[in-house]
N, C-alpha and C. Protein backbone atom coordinates (compact mmCIF):
# COMPACT_ATOMS: atom_id res chain seq x y z
N MET A 1 -67.48 116.42 -3.17
CA MET A 1 -66.46 116.16 -2.18
C MET A 1 -67.06 116.32 -0.79
N ILE A 2 -66.72 115.41 0.10
CA ILE A 2 -67.18 115.44 1.48
C ILE A 2 -65.96 115.67 2.37
N ALA A 3 -66.05 116.58 3.30
CA ALA A 3 -64.96 116.81 4.24
C ALA A 3 -65.50 116.65 5.65
N LEU A 4 -64.87 115.82 6.43
CA LEU A 4 -65.25 115.59 7.81
C LEU A 4 -64.02 115.81 8.68
N ASP A 5 -64.07 116.87 9.48
CA ASP A 5 -62.94 117.15 10.35
C ASP A 5 -61.69 117.27 9.48
N ASN A 6 -60.70 116.45 9.69
CA ASN A 6 -59.48 116.47 8.87
C ASN A 6 -59.52 115.38 7.80
N ILE A 7 -60.68 114.83 7.53
CA ILE A 7 -60.82 113.74 6.57
C ILE A 7 -61.52 114.26 5.32
N CYS A 8 -61.03 113.84 4.17
CA CYS A 8 -61.60 114.27 2.90
C CYS A 8 -61.95 113.04 2.06
N ILE A 9 -63.11 113.08 1.43
CA ILE A 9 -63.52 112.02 0.52
C ILE A 9 -63.82 112.69 -0.81
N ASP A 10 -63.00 112.36 -1.81
CA ASP A 10 -63.12 112.97 -3.13
C ASP A 10 -62.83 111.87 -4.15
N LYS A 11 -63.75 111.66 -5.08
CA LYS A 11 -63.58 110.58 -6.04
C LYS A 11 -62.32 110.75 -6.89
N ASN A 12 -61.77 111.95 -6.94
CA ASN A 12 -60.56 112.19 -7.71
C ASN A 12 -59.26 111.95 -6.93
N ILE A 13 -59.40 111.65 -5.65
CA ILE A 13 -58.24 111.37 -4.81
C ILE A 13 -58.36 109.95 -4.29
N LYS A 14 -57.41 109.12 -4.67
CA LYS A 14 -57.38 107.71 -4.22
C LYS A 14 -58.69 106.99 -4.49
N GLY A 15 -59.36 107.33 -5.58
CA GLY A 15 -60.59 106.65 -5.96
C GLY A 15 -61.75 106.84 -5.00
N GLY A 16 -61.70 107.90 -4.20
CA GLY A 16 -62.79 108.18 -3.26
C GLY A 16 -62.58 107.61 -1.88
N LYS A 17 -61.41 107.00 -1.64
CA LYS A 17 -61.13 106.50 -0.29
C LYS A 17 -60.96 107.69 0.65
N PRO A 18 -61.39 107.57 1.89
CA PRO A 18 -61.17 108.66 2.85
C PRO A 18 -59.66 108.85 3.08
N VAL A 19 -59.21 110.09 2.99
CA VAL A 19 -57.80 110.41 3.20
C VAL A 19 -57.69 111.56 4.19
N ILE A 20 -56.49 111.72 4.74
CA ILE A 20 -56.21 112.87 5.60
C ILE A 20 -56.25 114.11 4.71
N LYS A 21 -57.02 115.10 5.11
CA LYS A 21 -57.20 116.31 4.32
C LYS A 21 -55.86 116.96 3.97
N GLY A 22 -55.71 117.31 2.70
CA GLY A 22 -54.48 117.95 2.23
C GLY A 22 -53.36 116.99 1.91
N THR A 23 -53.65 115.67 2.00
CA THR A 23 -52.64 114.65 1.70
C THR A 23 -53.28 113.58 0.83
N ARG A 24 -52.49 112.58 0.52
CA ARG A 24 -53.01 111.39 -0.16
C ARG A 24 -52.87 110.17 0.77
N VAL A 25 -52.82 110.42 2.07
CA VAL A 25 -52.65 109.37 3.07
C VAL A 25 -54.03 108.83 3.45
N PRO A 26 -54.33 107.58 3.06
CA PRO A 26 -55.64 107.01 3.36
C PRO A 26 -55.85 106.74 4.86
N VAL A 27 -57.08 106.92 5.30
CA VAL A 27 -57.44 106.64 6.69
C VAL A 27 -57.13 105.19 7.04
N ASP A 28 -57.44 104.25 6.12
CA ASP A 28 -57.21 102.85 6.43
C ASP A 28 -55.73 102.54 6.61
N LEU A 29 -54.85 103.27 5.94
CA LEU A 29 -53.42 103.07 6.11
C LEU A 29 -53.00 103.48 7.52
N VAL A 30 -53.50 104.64 7.97
CA VAL A 30 -53.19 105.12 9.32
C VAL A 30 -53.69 104.12 10.36
N LEU A 31 -54.91 103.64 10.19
CA LEU A 31 -55.47 102.67 11.14
C LEU A 31 -54.67 101.38 11.13
N GLY A 32 -54.29 100.93 9.95
CA GLY A 32 -53.49 99.70 9.84
C GLY A 32 -52.14 99.83 10.51
N LYS A 33 -51.51 100.99 10.36
CA LYS A 33 -50.21 101.22 11.00
C LYS A 33 -50.35 101.22 12.51
N LEU A 34 -51.42 101.85 13.02
CA LEU A 34 -51.67 101.82 14.47
C LEU A 34 -51.91 100.39 14.94
N ALA A 35 -52.74 99.66 14.21
CA ALA A 35 -53.04 98.27 14.58
C ALA A 35 -51.79 97.40 14.52
N GLY A 36 -50.86 97.74 13.63
CA GLY A 36 -49.63 96.99 13.50
C GLY A 36 -48.58 97.34 14.54
N GLY A 37 -48.88 98.33 15.38
CA GLY A 37 -47.98 98.65 16.48
C GLY A 37 -47.15 99.91 16.31
N MET A 38 -47.30 100.62 15.18
CA MET A 38 -46.55 101.87 15.05
C MET A 38 -47.07 102.88 16.06
N THR A 39 -46.18 103.72 16.54
CA THR A 39 -46.57 104.78 17.47
C THR A 39 -47.05 105.99 16.68
N TYR A 40 -47.73 106.88 17.37
CA TYR A 40 -48.16 108.14 16.74
C TYR A 40 -46.93 108.84 16.15
N GLU A 41 -45.87 108.91 16.93
CA GLU A 41 -44.67 109.62 16.51
C GLU A 41 -44.08 109.02 15.24
N GLU A 42 -44.06 107.69 15.13
CA GLU A 42 -43.54 107.03 13.92
C GLU A 42 -44.40 107.36 12.70
N ILE A 43 -45.71 107.35 12.89
CA ILE A 43 -46.63 107.65 11.78
C ILE A 43 -46.48 109.11 11.37
N ILE A 44 -46.36 109.99 12.34
CA ILE A 44 -46.19 111.42 12.06
C ILE A 44 -44.94 111.65 11.23
N ARG A 45 -43.85 111.01 11.62
CA ARG A 45 -42.59 111.17 10.88
C ARG A 45 -42.67 110.56 9.49
N GLU A 46 -43.19 109.35 9.39
CA GLU A 46 -43.19 108.64 8.12
C GLU A 46 -44.13 109.25 7.08
N TYR A 47 -45.30 109.72 7.52
CA TYR A 47 -46.31 110.20 6.58
C TYR A 47 -46.51 111.71 6.60
N GLU A 48 -45.74 112.40 7.44
CA GLU A 48 -45.80 113.86 7.54
C GLU A 48 -47.23 114.36 7.78
N ILE A 49 -47.88 113.74 8.76
CA ILE A 49 -49.19 114.18 9.21
C ILE A 49 -49.07 114.56 10.68
N THR A 50 -50.14 115.06 11.26
CA THR A 50 -50.10 115.53 12.65
C THR A 50 -50.82 114.55 13.57
N ARG A 51 -50.63 114.76 14.85
CA ARG A 51 -51.35 113.98 15.85
C ARG A 51 -52.86 114.17 15.66
N GLU A 52 -53.26 115.41 15.38
CA GLU A 52 -54.68 115.70 15.15
C GLU A 52 -55.21 114.92 13.94
N ASP A 53 -54.39 114.75 12.92
CA ASP A 53 -54.79 113.96 11.74
C ASP A 53 -55.05 112.51 12.14
N ILE A 54 -54.18 111.96 12.97
CA ILE A 54 -54.34 110.58 13.43
C ILE A 54 -55.63 110.45 14.24
N LEU A 55 -55.85 111.40 15.14
CA LEU A 55 -57.07 111.38 15.95
C LEU A 55 -58.31 111.52 15.07
N ALA A 56 -58.22 112.34 14.02
CA ALA A 56 -59.34 112.48 13.08
C ALA A 56 -59.63 111.15 12.38
N ALA A 57 -58.58 110.43 12.01
CA ALA A 57 -58.77 109.12 11.37
C ALA A 57 -59.47 108.16 12.32
N LEU A 58 -59.09 108.19 13.59
CA LEU A 58 -59.74 107.34 14.58
C LEU A 58 -61.20 107.74 14.79
N ARG A 59 -61.46 109.04 14.85
CA ARG A 59 -62.85 109.51 15.00
C ARG A 59 -63.69 109.11 13.79
N TYR A 60 -63.12 109.25 12.61
CA TYR A 60 -63.84 108.87 11.39
C TYR A 60 -64.20 107.39 11.43
N ALA A 61 -63.23 106.55 11.76
CA ALA A 61 -63.48 105.11 11.82
C ALA A 61 -64.52 104.78 12.88
N SER A 62 -64.43 105.44 14.02
CA SER A 62 -65.38 105.20 15.10
C SER A 62 -66.79 105.58 14.67
N SER A 63 -66.94 106.73 14.03
CA SER A 63 -68.28 107.16 13.62
C SER A 63 -68.81 106.27 12.50
N TYR A 64 -67.94 105.81 11.63
CA TYR A 64 -68.34 104.92 10.54
C TYR A 64 -68.86 103.59 11.11
N ILE A 65 -68.14 103.04 12.06
CA ILE A 65 -68.53 101.78 12.68
C ILE A 65 -69.81 101.94 13.49
N ALA A 66 -69.95 103.06 14.19
CA ALA A 66 -71.14 103.31 15.01
C ALA A 66 -72.40 103.36 14.17
N GLU A 67 -72.29 103.82 12.93
CA GLU A 67 -73.45 103.91 12.05
C GLU A 67 -73.77 102.59 11.36
N ASP A 68 -72.83 101.69 11.33
CA ASP A 68 -73.00 100.42 10.64
C ASP A 68 -73.91 99.50 11.43
N GLU A 69 -74.82 98.86 10.77
CA GLU A 69 -75.71 97.91 11.43
C GLU A 69 -75.06 96.54 11.38
N ILE A 70 -74.92 95.94 12.54
CA ILE A 70 -74.31 94.61 12.64
C ILE A 70 -75.39 93.60 12.97
N ARG A 71 -75.44 92.55 12.17
CA ARG A 71 -76.44 91.50 12.40
C ARG A 71 -75.75 90.19 12.73
N ALA A 72 -76.28 89.51 13.72
CA ALA A 72 -75.74 88.21 14.09
C ALA A 72 -76.14 87.18 13.04
N VAL A 73 -75.20 86.33 12.72
CA VAL A 73 -75.48 85.26 11.76
C VAL A 73 -75.49 83.95 12.53
N ALA A 74 -76.62 83.26 12.42
CA ALA A 74 -76.76 82.00 13.18
C ALA A 74 -76.37 80.82 12.37
């Protein structure tokens, strides 16, 4: 099991998808809800997570993308 900030990756939880620690709420769901226009407050109410959990999901995604190598395709 890997734990990063408020993010947990465990093959026994959601097939190893990154989730908010202590929940079964996937990071990609939180990001998708934000991208779809939900506010922090709406996500907090609907999924019973905290503002810090949302920020952790954003930090996780940011660090994941920063490590990814992007190559231009011609």
